[in-house]
Amino acid sequence: MYLLDANRANDLVQFVHRSANWLAGWSRDLFTFDEAWARVVCGYGLAAVVYLFIGHAIANRVSR
């Protein structure tokens, strides 16, 4: 939503932002790029990739 310049006053955007902050709290501000978009992509992207692998591992365990 940051990269698409979403309306920050919108309730849905605020909900997604709060949820993303909670889920990616451990990876936010981990990288210090000069460009704001690069910090957003790396900080939240890293959390998304980690949760993807964790979810995949849990799904494999459940299916067995």
N, C-alpha and C. Protein backbone atom coordinates (compact mmCIF):
# COMPACT_ATOMS: atom_id res chain seq x y z
N MET A 1 0.81 -1.17 0.00
CA MET A 1 0.00 0.00 0.00
C MET A 1 0.87 1.26 0.00
N TYR A 2 2.06 1.12 0.58
CA TYR A 2 2.98 2.26 0.59
C TYR A 2 3.44 2.60 -0.82
N LEU A 3 3.78 1.57 -1.58
CA LEU A 3 4.30 1.80 -2.92
C LEU A 3 3.24 2.35 -3.87
N LEU A 4 1.96 2.05 -3.59
CA LEU A 4 0.86 2.55 -4.42
C LEU A 4 0.31 3.87 -3.90
N ASP A 5 0.88 4.41 -2.83
CA ASP A 5 0.48 5.69 -2.24
C ASP A 5 -0.99 5.66 -1.83
N ALA A 6 -1.35 4.65 -1.04
CA ALA A 6 -2.73 4.50 -0.59
C ALA A 6 -3.10 5.61 0.40
N ASN A 7 -4.39 5.89 0.48
CA ASN A 7 -4.91 6.91 1.38
C ASN A 7 -4.77 6.43 2.82
N ARG A 8 -3.92 7.08 3.60
CA ARG A 8 -3.64 6.63 4.96
C ARG A 8 -4.79 6.91 5.92
N ALA A 9 -5.75 7.70 5.53
CA ALA A 9 -6.91 7.98 6.37
C ALA A 9 -7.98 6.91 6.24
N ASN A 10 -7.87 6.04 5.26
CA ASN A 10 -8.84 4.99 5.03
C ASN A 10 -8.73 3.92 6.12
N ASP A 11 -9.88 3.42 6.60
CA ASP A 11 -9.89 2.43 7.67
C ASP A 11 -9.21 1.13 7.26
N LEU A 12 -9.46 0.67 6.04
CA LEU A 12 -8.83 -0.56 5.57
C LEU A 12 -7.32 -0.41 5.51
N VAL A 13 -6.85 0.70 5.02
CA VAL A 13 -5.40 0.95 4.93
C VAL A 13 -4.80 1.00 6.32
N GLN A 14 -5.48 1.62 7.27
CA GLN A 14 -4.98 1.68 8.64
C GLN A 14 -4.93 0.29 9.27
N PHE A 15 -5.96 -0.53 9.01
CA PHE A 15 -5.97 -1.90 9.54
C PHE A 15 -4.81 -2.71 8.98
N VAL A 16 -4.61 -2.64 7.67
CA VAL A 16 -3.51 -3.39 7.04
C VAL A 16 -2.18 -2.89 7.57
N HIS A 17 -2.04 -1.60 7.75
CA HIS A 17 -0.79 -1.02 8.26
C HIS A 17 -0.50 -1.48 9.69
N ARG A 18 -1.51 -1.47 10.55
CA ARG A 18 -1.32 -1.92 11.93
C ARG A 18 -0.99 -3.41 11.98
N SER A 19 -1.67 -4.20 11.14
CA SER A 19 -1.40 -5.63 11.09
C SER A 19 0.02 -5.91 10.60
N ALA A 20 0.42 -5.19 9.56
CA ALA A 20 1.78 -5.37 9.02
C ALA A 20 2.83 -4.96 10.03
N ASN A 21 2.58 -3.88 10.77
CA ASN A 21 3.53 -3.46 11.80
C ASN A 21 3.67 -4.51 12.89
N TRP A 22 2.55 -5.14 13.26
CA TRP A 22 2.60 -6.16 14.29
C TRP A 22 3.35 -7.40 13.79
N LEU A 23 3.03 -7.84 12.57
CA LEU A 23 3.66 -9.04 12.03
C LEU A 23 5.13 -8.85 11.70
N ALA A 24 5.49 -7.67 11.25
CA ALA A 24 6.87 -7.43 10.81
C ALA A 24 7.64 -6.58 11.81
N GLY A 25 7.20 -6.56 13.05
CA GLY A 25 7.87 -5.75 14.06
C GLY A 25 9.33 -6.10 14.23
N TRP A 26 9.65 -7.37 14.11
CA TRP A 26 11.04 -7.82 14.29
C TRP A 26 11.93 -7.47 13.11
N SER A 27 11.35 -7.23 11.93
CA SER A 27 12.20 -6.98 10.76
C SER A 27 12.14 -5.53 10.27
N ARG A 28 11.26 -4.74 10.86
CA ARG A 28 11.19 -3.33 10.45
C ARG A 28 12.45 -2.61 10.89
N ASP A 29 12.93 -1.72 10.08
CA ASP A 29 14.13 -0.91 10.35
C ASP A 29 15.38 -1.77 10.55
N LEU A 30 15.37 -2.97 10.01
CA LEU A 30 16.54 -3.83 10.07
C LEU A 30 17.59 -3.34 9.07
N PHE A 31 17.12 -2.83 7.94
CA PHE A 31 18.00 -2.30 6.91
C PHE A 31 17.88 -0.78 6.89
N THR A 32 18.97 -0.10 6.63
CA THR A 32 18.96 1.37 6.62
C THR A 32 19.36 1.89 5.25
N PHE A 33 18.44 1.77 4.30
CA PHE A 33 18.65 2.34 2.98
C PHE A 33 18.29 3.81 3.00
N ASP A 34 18.86 4.58 2.08
CA ASP A 34 18.52 5.99 1.97
C ASP A 34 17.11 6.20 1.43
N GLU A 35 16.72 5.34 0.52
CA GLU A 35 15.39 5.46 -0.08
C GLU A 35 14.35 4.81 0.81
N ALA A 36 13.24 5.51 1.05
CA ALA A 36 12.18 5.00 1.94
C ALA A 36 11.53 3.75 1.36
N TRP A 37 11.32 3.71 0.05
CA TRP A 37 10.66 2.55 -0.57
C TRP A 37 11.52 1.30 -0.40
N ALA A 38 12.83 1.44 -0.44
CA ALA A 38 13.72 0.28 -0.28
C ALA A 38 13.65 -0.26 1.14
N ARG A 39 13.56 0.63 2.15
CA ARG A 39 13.40 0.19 3.53
C ARG A 39 12.10 -0.56 3.72
N VAL A 40 11.02 -0.06 3.11
CA VAL A 40 9.71 -0.69 3.24
C VAL A 40 9.73 -2.07 2.59
N VAL A 41 10.24 -2.15 1.38
CA VAL A 41 10.26 -3.42 0.65
C VAL A 41 11.13 -4.45 1.38
N CYS A 42 12.29 -4.07 1.84
CA CYS A 42 13.17 -5.03 2.51
C CYS A 42 12.66 -5.40 3.90
N GLY A 43 12.19 -4.43 4.65
CA GLY A 43 11.70 -4.71 6.00
C GLY A 43 10.48 -5.60 6.01
N TYR A 44 9.46 -5.24 5.26
CA TYR A 44 8.24 -6.03 5.23
C TYR A 44 8.39 -7.25 4.32
N GLY A 45 9.19 -7.14 3.29
CA GLY A 45 9.41 -8.28 2.39
C GLY A 45 10.13 -9.42 3.07
N LEU A 46 11.09 -9.11 3.90
CA LEU A 46 11.81 -10.14 4.65
C LEU A 46 10.85 -10.89 5.56
N ALA A 47 10.00 -10.16 6.25
CA ALA A 47 9.02 -10.81 7.13
C ALA A 47 8.06 -11.68 6.32
N ALA A 48 7.64 -11.20 5.17
CA ALA A 48 6.72 -11.97 4.33
C ALA A 48 7.35 -13.27 3.86
N VAL A 49 8.61 -13.23 3.46
CA VAL A 49 9.31 -14.44 3.00
C VAL A 49 9.49 -15.42 4.15
N VAL A 50 9.85 -14.93 5.33
CA VAL A 50 10.02 -15.81 6.49
C VAL A 50 8.70 -16.48 6.85
N TYR A 51 7.61 -15.70 6.87
CA TYR A 51 6.30 -16.28 7.19
C TYR A 51 5.84 -17.24 6.10
N LEU A 52 6.22 -17.00 4.87
CA LEU A 52 5.89 -17.93 3.78
C LEU A 52 6.55 -19.28 4.02
N PHE A 53 7.83 -19.27 4.35
CA PHE A 53 8.54 -20.53 4.62
C PHE A 53 8.00 -21.23 5.85
N ILE A 54 7.69 -20.48 6.89
CA ILE A 54 7.12 -21.08 8.10
C ILE A 54 5.76 -21.70 7.80
N GLY A 55 4.93 -20.99 7.06
CA GLY A 55 3.62 -21.52 6.69
C GLY A 55 3.72 -22.76 5.83
N HIS A 56 4.67 -22.75 4.92
CA HIS A 56 4.88 -23.91 4.06
C HIS A 56 5.34 -25.12 4.88
N ALA A 57 6.24 -24.91 5.83
CA ALA A 57 6.71 -26.00 6.66
C ALA A 57 5.59 -26.55 7.53
N ILE A 58 4.75 -25.70 8.07
CA ILE A 58 3.62 -26.15 8.88
C ILE A 58 2.62 -26.93 8.02
N ALA A 59 2.37 -26.44 6.82
CA ALA A 59 1.43 -27.13 5.92
C ALA A 59 1.96 -28.51 5.56
N ASN A 60 3.26 -28.65 5.34
CA ASN A 60 3.84 -29.96 5.04
C ASN A 60 3.71 -30.92 6.21
N ARG A 61 3.91 -30.40 7.43
CA ARG A 61 3.78 -31.25 8.62
C ARG A 61 2.35 -31.70 8.83
N VAL A 62 1.40 -30.81 8.58
CA VAL A 62 -0.01 -31.14 8.79
C VAL A 62 -0.49 -32.15 7.75
N SER A 63 0.01 -32.03 6.53
CA SER A 63 -0.45 -32.94 5.45
C SER A 63 0.08 -34.35 5.61
N ARG A 64 1.09 -34.56 6.42
CA ARG A 64 1.68 -35.90 6.60
C ARG A 64 0.97 -36.69 7.63
